[in-house]
N, C-alpha and C. Protein backbone atom coordinates (compact mmCIF):
# COMPACT_ATOMS: atom_id res chain seq x y z
N MET A 1 9.27 -2.31 10.99
CA MET A 1 10.21 -1.88 11.08
C MET A 1 11.01 -1.54 9.70
N ALA A 2 11.49 -0.08 9.73
CA ALA A 2 11.97 0.42 8.66
C ALA A 2 13.48 -0.06 8.33
N ILE A 3 13.47 -0.44 7.06
CA ILE A 3 14.70 -0.49 6.46
C ILE A 3 15.46 1.00 6.01
N THR A 4 14.90 2.02 5.59
CA THR A 4 15.49 3.40 5.26
C THR A 4 14.85 4.06 6.09
N GLU A 5 15.46 5.19 6.55
CA GLU A 5 14.23 6.39 7.05
C GLU A 5 14.81 7.46 6.78
N GLN A 6 14.24 8.56 6.10
CA GLN A 6 15.06 10.07 5.98
C GLN A 6 13.32 11.05 6.00
N HIS A 7 13.90 12.25 6.15
CA HIS A 7 12.79 13.29 6.41
C HIS A 7 12.75 13.98 5.05
N MET A 8 11.38 14.61 4.67
CA MET A 8 11.37 15.22 3.41
C MET A 8 9.73 15.69 3.45
N THR A 9 9.46 16.48 2.69
CA THR A 9 8.03 17.22 1.99
C THR A 9 7.24 15.91 1.69
N LEU A 10 5.64 15.94 1.76
CA LEU A 10 5.06 15.17 1.00
C LEU A 10 5.45 15.48 -0.55
N GLU A 11 5.53 16.60 -0.91
CA GLU A 11 5.45 16.59 -2.10
C GLU A 11 6.77 16.18 -3.09
N ALA A 12 7.97 16.17 -2.32
CA ALA A 12 8.92 15.98 -2.58
C ALA A 12 9.17 14.02 -2.87
N PHE A 13 8.34 13.63 -1.38
CA PHE A 13 7.94 12.48 -1.39
C PHE A 13 7.49 11.82 -2.54
N LEU A 14 6.18 12.53 -3.19
CA LEU A 14 5.43 11.89 -4.27
C LEU A 14 6.35 12.08 -5.72
N ALA A 15 7.27 12.87 -5.46
CA ALA A 15 7.96 13.02 -6.69
C ALA A 15 9.05 11.68 -6.90
N LEU A 16 9.34 11.02 -5.96
CA LEU A 16 10.28 10.18 -5.96
C LEU A 16 9.67 8.85 -6.99
N PRO A 17 10.74 8.20 -7.65
CA PRO A 17 10.14 6.76 -8.41
C PRO A 17 9.67 5.70 -7.34
N GLU A 18 8.64 4.87 -7.97
CA GLU A 18 7.96 3.69 -7.14
C GLU A 18 9.19 2.74 -6.56
N LYS A 19 9.36 2.35 -5.12
CA LYS A 19 10.41 1.23 -5.06
C LYS A 19 9.76 0.01 -4.57
N LYS A 20 10.42 -1.13 -4.85
CA LYS A 20 10.07 -2.26 -4.35
C LYS A 20 11.06 -2.77 -3.03
N PRO A 21 10.59 -3.10 -1.85
CA PRO A 21 9.33 -3.04 -1.27
C PRO A 21 8.97 -1.30 -1.11
N ALA A 22 7.48 -0.97 -1.19
CA ALA A 22 7.20 0.45 -1.39
C ALA A 22 7.89 1.25 -0.13
N LEU A 23 7.57 2.57 -0.49
CA LEU A 23 8.08 3.62 0.64
C LEU A 23 6.86 4.35 1.31
N GLU A 24 6.64 4.51 2.35
CA GLU A 24 5.76 5.12 2.97
C GLU A 24 5.91 6.68 3.31
N PHE A 25 5.07 7.55 3.61
CA PHE A 25 5.24 8.84 3.84
C PHE A 25 4.27 8.87 5.32
N GLU A 26 5.30 9.46 6.76
CA GLU A 26 4.04 9.69 7.74
C GLU A 26 4.89 10.87 8.38
N ASP A 27 4.10 12.02 8.66
CA ASP A 27 4.81 13.38 9.65
C ASP A 27 6.20 13.63 9.01
N GLY A 28 6.18 13.59 7.67
CA GLY A 28 7.69 13.70 7.19
C GLY A 28 8.85 12.67 7.40
N VAL A 29 8.47 11.33 7.39
CA VAL A 29 9.51 10.46 7.61
C VAL A 29 9.19 9.64 6.46
N VAL A 30 10.05 9.03 5.80
CA VAL A 30 10.11 8.20 4.52
C VAL A 30 10.64 7.01 5.22
N THR A 31 9.78 5.84 5.18
CA THR A 31 10.17 4.98 5.53
C THR A 31 9.76 3.62 4.25
N GLN A 32 10.89 2.32 4.40
CA GLN A 32 10.45 1.36 3.28
C GLN A 32 9.85 0.30 4.00
N LYS A 33 8.93 -0.21 3.45
CA LYS A 33 8.09 -1.55 3.81
C LYS A 33 8.95 -2.63 4.14
N VAL A 34 8.84 -3.61 4.77
CA VAL A 34 9.82 -4.83 4.71
C VAL A 34 8.84 -5.98 3.99
N PRO A 35 9.63 -6.47 2.85
CA PRO A 35 9.11 -7.31 2.18
C PRO A 35 8.51 -8.29 2.77
N PRO A 36 7.04 -9.07 2.40
CA PRO A 36 6.37 -9.93 2.70
C PRO A 36 6.84 -11.39 2.78
N ARG A 37 6.70 -12.11 3.63
CA ARG A 37 7.30 -13.66 3.32
C ARG A 37 6.08 -14.60 2.72
N GLY A 38 6.27 -15.71 2.68
CA GLY A 38 5.29 -16.67 2.32
C GLY A 38 4.08 -16.33 2.42
N ARG A 39 3.57 -16.78 3.90
CA ARG A 39 2.27 -17.12 4.25
C ARG A 39 1.35 -15.43 4.16
N HIS A 40 2.75 -14.24 4.27
CA HIS A 40 1.59 -13.23 4.67
C HIS A 40 1.51 -12.89 3.01
N SER A 41 2.23 -13.19 1.99
CA SER A 41 2.12 -13.05 0.58
C SER A 41 1.04 -13.81 0.02
N ARG A 42 0.92 -15.42 0.55
CA ARG A 42 -0.35 -15.78 -0.13
C ARG A 42 -1.59 -15.00 0.69
N LEU A 43 -1.76 -14.69 1.90
CA LEU A 43 -2.71 -14.25 2.59
C LEU A 43 -3.35 -12.81 1.36
N GLN A 44 -2.29 -11.99 1.20
CA GLN A 44 -2.22 -10.85 0.61
C GLN A 44 -3.05 -10.94 -0.52
N SER A 45 -2.51 -12.10 -1.63
CA SER A 45 -3.22 -12.38 -2.92
C SER A 45 -4.77 -12.88 -2.47
N THR A 46 -4.99 -13.87 -1.65
CA THR A 46 -6.25 -14.36 -1.36
C THR A 46 -7.36 -13.36 -0.77
N VAL A 47 -7.13 -12.63 -0.22
CA VAL A 47 -8.02 -11.40 0.63
C VAL A 47 -8.88 -10.70 -0.59
N PRO A 48 -7.85 -10.51 -1.72
CA PRO A 48 -8.95 -9.48 -2.88
C PRO A 48 -9.57 -10.38 -3.41
N GLY A 49 -9.59 -11.82 -3.60
CA GLY A 49 -9.97 -12.67 -4.57
C GLY A 49 -11.08 -12.73 -3.71
N ARG A 50 -11.10 -13.09 -2.80
CA ARG A 50 -12.46 -13.41 -1.61
C ARG A 50 -13.66 -12.19 -1.90
N ILE A 51 -13.07 -10.96 -1.90
CA ILE A 51 -13.92 -9.97 -1.69
C ILE A 51 -14.28 -9.44 -3.43
N ASN A 52 -13.43 -9.37 -4.54
CA ASN A 52 -13.81 -9.18 -5.58
C ASN A 52 -14.53 -10.28 -6.12
N PRO A 53 -15.54 -9.91 -6.78
CA PRO A 53 -16.41 -11.12 -7.33
C PRO A 53 -15.48 -11.62 -8.85
N SER A 54 -15.52 -13.03 -9.11
CA SER A 54 -14.82 -13.43 -10.77
C SER A 54 -15.80 -12.58 -11.87
N ASP A 55 -16.74 -12.08 -11.49
CA ASP A 55 -17.41 -11.91 -12.85
C ASP A 55 -17.70 -10.36 -13.27
N GLY A 56 -16.95 -9.65 -12.30
CA GLY A 56 -16.50 -8.37 -12.58
C GLY A 56 -16.77 -7.19 -11.36
N PRO A 57 -16.68 -6.23 -11.23
CA PRO A 57 -16.73 -5.63 -10.20
C PRO A 57 -17.94 -5.38 -9.35
N SER A 58 -17.85 -5.46 -8.37
CA SER A 58 -18.75 -5.42 -7.35
C SER A 58 -19.47 -3.94 -7.11
N HIS A 59 -20.81 -3.66 -6.60
CA HIS A 59 -21.35 -2.67 -6.53
C HIS A 59 -21.02 -2.26 -5.22
N LEU A 60 -20.74 -3.37 -3.93
CA LEU A 60 -20.85 -3.11 -2.55
C LEU A 60 -19.04 -2.73 -2.16
N ALA A 61 -18.35 -3.47 -2.75
CA ALA A 61 -16.79 -3.23 -2.66
C ALA A 61 -15.64 -3.74 -3.60
N VAL A 62 -14.67 -3.35 -3.73
CA VAL A 62 -13.82 -3.83 -4.50
C VAL A 62 -12.24 -3.64 -3.65
N ALA A 63 -11.58 -4.77 -3.73
CA ALA A 63 -10.44 -4.46 -2.87
C ALA A 63 -9.13 -4.64 -3.91
N PHE A 64 -8.08 -4.33 -3.31
CA PHE A 64 -6.65 -3.76 -4.06
C PHE A 64 -5.66 -4.26 -3.30
N PRO A 65 -4.73 -5.04 -3.85
CA PRO A 65 -3.39 -5.35 -3.19
C PRO A 65 -2.26 -4.16 -3.26
N GLU A 66 -1.72 -3.83 -2.15
CA GLU A 66 -0.60 -2.76 -2.40
C GLU A 66 -0.99 -1.55 -3.49
N LEU A 67 -2.16 -1.28 -2.97
CA LEU A 67 -2.51 0.33 -3.56
C LEU A 67 -2.13 1.55 -2.87
N ARG A 68 -1.51 2.35 -3.21
CA ARG A 68 -0.90 3.57 -2.76
C ARG A 68 -1.81 4.52 -2.30
N THR A 69 -1.82 4.91 -1.15
CA THR A 69 -3.06 5.61 -0.87
C THR A 69 -2.63 7.20 -0.04
N THR A 70 -3.02 8.20 -0.74
CA THR A 70 -2.59 9.63 -0.17
C THR A 70 -3.64 10.42 0.41
N TYR A 71 -3.62 10.72 1.45
CA TYR A 71 -4.50 11.86 1.80
C TYR A 71 -4.03 11.88 3.24
N ALA A 72 -4.71 13.56 3.47
CA ALA A 72 -4.42 13.81 5.10
C ALA A 72 -2.80 13.87 5.45
N GLY A 73 -1.90 14.25 4.54
CA GLY A 73 -0.43 14.35 4.53
C GLY A 73 0.29 13.23 4.90
N TYR A 74 -0.38 11.81 4.37
CA TYR A 74 0.62 10.81 4.68
C TYR A 74 0.13 9.86 3.27
N SER A 75 1.06 8.91 3.04
CA SER A 75 1.01 8.26 1.83
C SER A 75 1.60 6.80 2.09
N ARG A 76 0.60 5.91 2.12
CA ARG A 76 1.00 4.77 2.61
C ARG A 76 0.59 3.67 1.58
N VAL A 77 1.02 2.27 1.60
CA VAL A 77 0.73 1.32 0.76
C VAL A 77 0.48 -0.18 1.60
N PRO A 78 -0.84 -0.07 1.90
CA PRO A 78 -1.62 -1.24 2.46
C PRO A 78 -1.40 -2.22 2.01
N ASP A 79 -1.22 -3.38 2.98
CA ASP A 79 -1.44 -4.84 2.36
C ASP A 79 -2.24 -5.11 1.30
N VAL A 80 -3.57 -4.58 1.63
CA VAL A 80 -4.81 -4.54 1.08
C VAL A 80 -5.92 -3.75 1.56
N SER A 81 -6.14 -2.87 0.08
CA SER A 81 -7.31 -1.77 0.59
C SER A 81 -8.67 -2.26 0.32
N VAL A 82 -9.40 -1.71 0.69
CA VAL A 82 -11.00 -2.39 0.36
C VAL A 82 -11.89 -1.02 0.24
N TYR A 83 -12.45 -0.50 -1.16
CA TYR A 83 -13.21 0.66 -1.04
C TYR A 83 -14.45 0.05 -1.40
N ARG A 84 -15.70 1.04 -0.70
CA ARG A 84 -16.97 0.79 -1.16
C ARG A 84 -17.24 1.75 -2.19
């Protein structure tokens, strides 16, 4: 559910300063994520720790919490992103 909603271009959106909770862009519409609650926040911090080895970066995958991803005209901040 969006807290705020407004229309703009992707370029104008990317020029905005970062906010907490994060803003996201889809089809010209800007929405603000709902802040996570306790259990969700705990899971969000636990998952990357299980994917990322404690002795350094893995050659298989690396996980990031709340990493902005911008591609194909969208700009989102998923709870957890995993890259191979």
